[in-house]
Amino acid sequence: WLATTSSGRKSSARSMVSKFFVFLAVMSLYDAYSSPPLFEIAVDEHGGVRLQQNMHRQWHQFTYFLISVPMSVYGIMVMVKLRAAVRSKYGISTGTLGRMEDFCYVFFCNC
C-alpha cells in the first residue's frame, strides 16, 4: 500500500482489499456529486431545437462546485511540491522559469 515490501500473500490480499474499498468510495462520491448538465436540448412541437436551462437540482451543481474547486487547487499544490521534491532529490536544476516551472508543468502539461 505504501510501497513497502510485503511479507507474503496475506499482506498482498489485505492491500488489494483496501485498494478496492478506496476505489469504491471514490466512484461512489463521483457518482453522487458529478455535476448534471446546466442546459438541456429540447425539441418543441414544430421540430425546432432550443436550449433550455436545467433548473432542477441546483444544490447539486453548487455542491459539486464547492467540492471540486478546492480539491483541484489542492491537487495542483501537491503535484507542484512533489515535482520540486523530486527535482531537489535528484539534483535536477530548474529552467528559465525557476520555481514557476514546477507550476507550469503541472498546470499545463498533462503527461
N, C-alpha and C. Protein backbone atom coordinates (compact mmCIF):
# COMPACT_ATOMS: atom_id res chain seq x y z
N TRP A 1 0.83 -1.19 0.00
CA TRP A 1 0.00 0.00 0.00
C TRP A 1 0.86 1.24 0.00
N LEU A 2 1.87 1.28 0.85
CA LEU A 2 2.74 2.46 0.91
C LEU A 2 4.12 2.16 0.36
N ALA A 3 4.20 1.30 -0.61
CA ALA A 3 5.44 0.94 -1.29
C ALA A 3 6.46 0.30 -0.36
N THR A 4 5.98 -0.49 0.58
CA THR A 4 6.88 -1.24 1.45
C THR A 4 6.83 -2.69 1.01
N THR A 5 7.85 -3.43 1.34
CA THR A 5 7.88 -4.83 0.96
C THR A 5 6.88 -5.62 1.79
N SER A 6 6.26 -6.60 1.17
CA SER A 6 5.27 -7.39 1.88
C SER A 6 5.90 -8.67 2.40
N SER A 7 5.22 -9.26 3.37
CA SER A 7 5.76 -10.47 3.97
C SER A 7 5.06 -11.72 3.46
N GLY A 8 4.17 -11.59 2.50
CA GLY A 8 3.51 -12.78 1.98
C GLY A 8 2.19 -12.47 1.31
N ARG A 9 1.46 -13.54 1.03
CA ARG A 9 0.19 -13.41 0.31
C ARG A 9 -0.88 -12.71 1.13
N LYS A 10 -0.85 -12.89 2.44
CA LYS A 10 -1.86 -12.28 3.29
C LYS A 10 -1.77 -10.75 3.23
N SER A 11 -0.55 -10.23 3.25
CA SER A 11 -0.34 -8.78 3.16
C SER A 11 -0.80 -8.26 1.80
N SER A 12 -0.53 -9.01 0.77
CA SER A 12 -0.95 -8.62 -0.58
C SER A 12 -2.47 -8.61 -0.71
N ALA A 13 -3.12 -9.58 -0.12
CA ALA A 13 -4.59 -9.64 -0.17
C ALA A 13 -5.20 -8.48 0.60
N ARG A 14 -4.62 -8.15 1.77
CA ARG A 14 -5.11 -7.01 2.55
C ARG A 14 -4.95 -5.72 1.78
N SER A 15 -3.82 -5.57 1.09
CA SER A 15 -3.57 -4.38 0.29
C SER A 15 -4.57 -4.27 -0.84
N MET A 16 -4.89 -5.38 -1.47
CA MET A 16 -5.86 -5.38 -2.56
C MET A 16 -7.25 -5.00 -2.07
N VAL A 17 -7.62 -5.49 -0.91
CA VAL A 17 -8.93 -5.17 -0.34
C VAL A 17 -9.02 -3.68 -0.03
N SER A 18 -7.98 -3.12 0.56
CA SER A 18 -8.00 -1.69 0.88
C SER A 18 -8.04 -0.85 -0.40
N LYS A 19 -7.33 -1.25 -1.43
CA LYS A 19 -7.39 -0.53 -2.71
C LYS A 19 -8.78 -0.61 -3.31
N PHE A 20 -9.41 -1.75 -3.20
CA PHE A 20 -10.76 -1.90 -3.73
C PHE A 20 -11.74 -0.97 -3.02
N PHE A 21 -11.64 -0.88 -1.69
CA PHE A 21 -12.56 -0.02 -0.94
C PHE A 21 -12.31 1.46 -1.22
N VAL A 22 -11.05 1.84 -1.41
CA VAL A 22 -10.76 3.22 -1.80
C VAL A 22 -11.36 3.52 -3.17
N PHE A 23 -11.20 2.60 -4.10
CA PHE A 23 -11.78 2.76 -5.44
C PHE A 23 -13.31 2.87 -5.36
N LEU A 24 -13.92 2.02 -4.56
CA LEU A 24 -15.37 2.04 -4.40
C LEU A 24 -15.85 3.36 -3.80
N ALA A 25 -15.13 3.86 -2.81
CA ALA A 25 -15.51 5.14 -2.19
C ALA A 25 -15.38 6.29 -3.18
N VAL A 26 -14.31 6.32 -3.94
CA VAL A 26 -14.12 7.39 -4.92
C VAL A 26 -15.21 7.34 -5.98
N MET A 27 -15.51 6.16 -6.47
CA MET A 27 -16.54 6.06 -7.51
C MET A 27 -17.92 6.43 -6.95
N SER A 28 -18.19 6.09 -5.71
CA SER A 28 -19.47 6.46 -5.10
C SER A 28 -19.59 7.96 -4.95
N LEU A 29 -18.53 8.61 -4.49
CA LEU A 29 -18.55 10.06 -4.36
C LEU A 29 -18.65 10.74 -5.72
N TYR A 30 -17.95 10.20 -6.71
CA TYR A 30 -18.02 10.78 -8.05
C TYR A 30 -19.44 10.68 -8.59
N ASP A 31 -20.06 9.54 -8.40
CA ASP A 31 -21.43 9.35 -8.88
C ASP A 31 -22.41 10.25 -8.13
N ALA A 32 -22.19 10.42 -6.84
CA ALA A 32 -23.11 11.23 -6.04
C ALA A 32 -22.97 12.71 -6.33
N TYR A 33 -21.76 13.17 -6.64
CA TYR A 33 -21.54 14.60 -6.78
C TYR A 33 -21.13 15.04 -8.18
N SER A 34 -21.24 14.18 -9.17
CA SER A 34 -20.93 14.64 -10.52
C SER A 34 -22.00 15.61 -10.96
N SER A 35 -21.57 16.61 -11.66
CA SER A 35 -22.45 17.72 -11.99
C SER A 35 -23.42 17.36 -13.11
N PRO A 36 -24.70 17.64 -12.94
CA PRO A 36 -25.65 17.45 -14.03
C PRO A 36 -25.48 18.58 -15.05
N PRO A 37 -25.95 18.40 -16.25
CA PRO A 37 -25.77 19.44 -17.27
C PRO A 37 -26.53 20.72 -16.89
N LEU A 38 -25.94 21.87 -17.22
CA LEU A 38 -26.60 23.14 -16.96
C LEU A 38 -27.70 23.43 -17.98
N PHE A 39 -27.54 22.91 -19.19
CA PHE A 39 -28.52 23.13 -20.25
C PHE A 39 -28.93 21.80 -20.85
N GLU A 40 -30.18 21.72 -21.28
CA GLU A 40 -30.67 20.53 -21.95
C GLU A 40 -31.20 20.93 -23.32
N ILE A 41 -31.11 20.04 -24.26
CA ILE A 41 -31.65 20.29 -25.60
C ILE A 41 -33.10 19.85 -25.60
N ALA A 42 -33.97 20.75 -26.03
CA ALA A 42 -35.40 20.44 -26.08
C ALA A 42 -35.90 20.64 -27.50
N VAL A 43 -36.79 19.76 -27.94
CA VAL A 43 -37.41 19.88 -29.26
C VAL A 43 -38.87 20.24 -29.04
N ASP A 44 -39.29 21.35 -29.66
CA ASP A 44 -40.69 21.77 -29.49
C ASP A 44 -41.60 21.05 -30.50
N GLU A 45 -42.90 21.38 -30.45
CA GLU A 45 -43.88 20.68 -31.29
C GLU A 45 -43.71 20.96 -32.78
N HIS A 46 -42.99 22.02 -33.14
CA HIS A 46 -42.76 22.35 -34.55
C HIS A 46 -41.46 21.78 -35.07
N GLY A 47 -40.75 21.05 -34.26
CA GLY A 47 -39.49 20.44 -34.68
C GLY A 47 -38.28 21.33 -34.45
N GLY A 48 -38.48 22.46 -33.83
CA GLY A 48 -37.36 23.37 -33.55
C GLY A 48 -36.56 22.90 -32.34
N VAL A 49 -35.29 23.11 -32.41
CA VAL A 49 -34.40 22.71 -31.33
C VAL A 49 -33.99 23.96 -30.56
N ARG A 50 -34.11 23.89 -29.26
CA ARG A 50 -33.69 25.02 -28.43
C ARG A 50 -33.02 24.49 -27.17
N LEU A 51 -32.22 25.36 -26.60
CA LEU A 51 -31.56 25.03 -25.33
C LEU A 51 -32.40 25.60 -24.19
N GLN A 52 -32.63 24.79 -23.19
CA GLN A 52 -33.33 25.29 -22.02
C GLN A 52 -32.49 24.99 -20.79
N GLN A 53 -32.52 25.94 -19.87
CA GLN A 53 -31.71 25.78 -18.66
C GLN A 53 -32.30 24.70 -17.77
N ASN A 54 -31.42 23.88 -17.24
CA ASN A 54 -31.81 22.82 -16.33
C ASN A 54 -31.97 23.44 -14.94
N MET A 55 -33.20 23.66 -14.50
CA MET A 55 -33.44 24.38 -13.27
C MET A 55 -33.49 23.48 -12.02
N HIS A 56 -33.69 22.19 -12.20
CA HIS A 56 -33.77 21.33 -11.03
C HIS A 56 -32.38 20.95 -10.54
N ARG A 57 -32.33 20.66 -9.28
CA ARG A 57 -31.12 20.19 -8.62
C ARG A 57 -29.97 21.20 -8.69
N GLN A 58 -30.26 22.48 -8.47
CA GLN A 58 -29.18 23.46 -8.47
C GLN A 58 -28.27 23.29 -7.26
N TRP A 59 -28.79 22.76 -6.15
CA TRP A 59 -27.94 22.49 -4.99
C TRP A 59 -26.87 21.47 -5.36
N HIS A 60 -27.22 20.58 -6.27
CA HIS A 60 -26.29 19.54 -6.71
C HIS A 60 -25.10 20.18 -7.43
N GLN A 61 -25.38 21.13 -8.30
CA GLN A 61 -24.32 21.82 -9.03
C GLN A 61 -23.46 22.64 -8.08
N PHE A 62 -24.09 23.31 -7.14
CA PHE A 62 -23.36 24.13 -6.18
C PHE A 62 -22.47 23.26 -5.29
N THR A 63 -22.97 22.12 -4.84
CA THR A 63 -22.17 21.20 -4.02
C THR A 63 -20.99 20.66 -4.81
N TYR A 64 -21.22 20.32 -6.07
CA TYR A 64 -20.15 19.84 -6.94
C TYR A 64 -19.05 20.90 -7.06
N PHE A 65 -19.46 22.15 -7.24
CA PHE A 65 -18.50 23.25 -7.36
C PHE A 65 -17.72 23.42 -6.07
N LEU A 66 -18.40 23.38 -4.93
CA LEU A 66 -17.73 23.56 -3.64
C LEU A 66 -16.73 22.45 -3.34
N ILE A 67 -16.97 21.27 -3.86
CA ILE A 67 -16.05 20.16 -3.62
C ILE A 67 -14.93 20.13 -4.66
N SER A 68 -15.26 20.35 -5.92
CA SER A 68 -14.28 20.16 -6.98
C SER A 68 -13.22 21.25 -7.05
N VAL A 69 -13.58 22.49 -6.81
CA VAL A 69 -12.59 23.57 -6.91
C VAL A 69 -11.50 23.45 -5.84
N PRO A 70 -11.85 23.33 -4.56
CA PRO A 70 -10.76 23.18 -3.57
C PRO A 70 -9.92 21.91 -3.79
N MET A 71 -10.55 20.83 -4.20
CA MET A 71 -9.79 19.60 -4.45
C MET A 71 -8.84 19.76 -5.63
N SER A 72 -9.26 20.48 -6.65
CA SER A 72 -8.38 20.73 -7.80
C SER A 72 -7.19 21.59 -7.39
N VAL A 73 -7.45 22.64 -6.63
CA VAL A 73 -6.36 23.50 -6.16
C VAL A 73 -5.40 22.71 -5.28
N TYR A 74 -5.94 21.89 -4.38
CA TYR A 74 -5.11 21.07 -3.50
C TYR A 74 -4.27 20.08 -4.32
N GLY A 75 -4.88 19.46 -5.33
CA GLY A 75 -4.14 18.52 -6.17
C GLY A 75 -2.99 19.19 -6.91
N ILE A 76 -3.22 20.39 -7.41
CA ILE A 76 -2.15 21.12 -8.10
C ILE A 76 -1.03 21.46 -7.12
N MET A 77 -1.38 21.90 -5.92
CA MET A 77 -0.36 22.24 -4.92
C MET A 77 0.48 21.02 -4.55
N VAL A 78 -0.16 19.88 -4.37
CA VAL A 78 0.57 18.66 -4.02
C VAL A 78 1.52 18.26 -5.15
N MET A 79 1.05 18.33 -6.38
CA MET A 79 1.90 17.94 -7.50
C MET A 79 3.09 18.89 -7.69
N VAL A 80 2.88 20.19 -7.46
CA VAL A 80 3.98 21.15 -7.56
C VAL A 80 5.02 20.84 -6.50
N LYS A 81 4.58 20.58 -5.26
CA LYS A 81 5.54 20.26 -4.19
C LYS A 81 6.25 18.93 -4.46
N LEU A 82 5.52 17.95 -5.00
CA LEU A 82 6.13 16.67 -5.32
C LEU A 82 7.19 16.82 -6.40
N ARG A 83 6.88 17.59 -7.42
CA ARG A 83 7.83 17.80 -8.51
C ARG A 83 9.08 18.51 -7.99
N ALA A 84 8.90 19.50 -7.13
CA ALA A 84 10.05 20.21 -6.56
C ALA A 84 10.89 19.28 -5.70
N ALA A 85 10.25 18.40 -4.94
CA ALA A 85 10.98 17.45 -4.09
C ALA A 85 11.78 16.46 -4.93
N VAL A 86 11.20 15.97 -6.02
CA VAL A 86 11.92 15.04 -6.90
C VAL A 86 13.10 15.75 -7.55
N ARG A 87 12.89 16.99 -7.98
CA ARG A 87 14.00 17.75 -8.59
C ARG A 87 15.14 17.95 -7.59
N SER A 88 14.80 18.29 -6.35
CA SER A 88 15.87 18.53 -5.37
C SER A 88 16.56 17.22 -4.97
N LYS A 89 15.81 16.13 -4.90
CA LYS A 89 16.40 14.84 -4.52
C LYS A 89 17.41 14.36 -5.55
N TYR A 90 17.09 14.51 -6.83
CA TYR A 90 17.96 14.02 -7.89
C TYR A 90 18.84 15.11 -8.49
N GLY A 91 18.84 16.31 -7.92
CA GLY A 91 19.73 17.37 -8.38
C GLY A 91 19.40 17.91 -9.75
N ILE A 92 18.13 17.94 -10.10
CA ILE A 92 17.71 18.46 -11.40
C ILE A 92 17.48 19.96 -11.25
N SER A 93 18.16 20.73 -12.08
CA SER A 93 18.02 22.19 -11.97
C SER A 93 16.77 22.67 -12.70
N THR A 94 16.31 23.84 -12.31
CA THR A 94 15.14 24.42 -12.98
C THR A 94 15.56 25.08 -14.28
N GLY A 95 14.59 25.34 -15.12
CA GLY A 95 14.85 26.01 -16.38
C GLY A 95 14.85 27.52 -16.22
N THR A 96 14.43 28.21 -17.24
CA THR A 96 14.45 29.67 -17.22
C THR A 96 13.37 30.25 -16.32
N LEU A 97 12.35 29.49 -15.99
CA LEU A 97 11.25 30.00 -15.17
C LEU A 97 11.50 29.85 -13.67
N GLY A 98 12.52 29.15 -13.29
CA GLY A 98 12.82 28.97 -11.87
C GLY A 98 11.77 28.11 -11.19
N ARG A 99 11.31 28.53 -10.00
CA ARG A 99 10.31 27.75 -9.25
C ARG A 99 8.96 27.72 -9.95
N MET A 100 8.71 28.70 -10.79
CA MET A 100 7.43 28.74 -11.51
C MET A 100 7.33 27.60 -12.53
N GLU A 101 8.46 27.02 -12.89
CA GLU A 101 8.48 25.93 -13.85
C GLU A 101 7.68 24.73 -13.35
N ASP A 102 7.77 24.43 -12.06
CA ASP A 102 7.03 23.31 -11.49
C ASP A 102 5.53 23.52 -11.67
N PHE A 103 5.06 24.71 -11.37
CA PHE A 103 3.64 25.01 -11.52
C PHE A 103 3.21 24.91 -12.99
N CYS A 104 4.01 25.47 -13.88
CA CYS A 104 3.64 25.45 -15.31
C CYS A 104 3.56 24.03 -15.84
N TYR A 105 4.51 23.19 -15.47
CA TYR A 105 4.45 21.80 -15.93
C TYR A 105 3.23 21.06 -15.37
N VAL A 106 2.92 21.29 -14.11
CA VAL A 106 1.77 20.62 -13.51
C VAL A 106 0.46 21.12 -14.11
N PHE A 107 0.35 22.42 -14.29
CA PHE A 107 -0.91 23.00 -14.72
C PHE A 107 -1.16 22.82 -16.22
N PHE A 108 -0.11 22.96 -17.05
CA PHE A 108 -0.32 22.95 -18.50
C PHE A 108 0.03 21.65 -19.18
N CYS A 109 0.89 20.83 -18.58
CA CYS A 109 1.30 19.58 -19.22
C CYS A 109 0.58 18.41 -18.56
N ASN A 110 -0.20 17.69 -19.32
CA ASN A 110 -0.98 16.58 -18.77
C ASN A 110 -0.25 15.24 -18.85
N CYS A 111 1.00 15.25 -19.21
CA CYS A 111 1.72 13.98 -19.35
C CYS A 111 2.40 13.57 -18.08
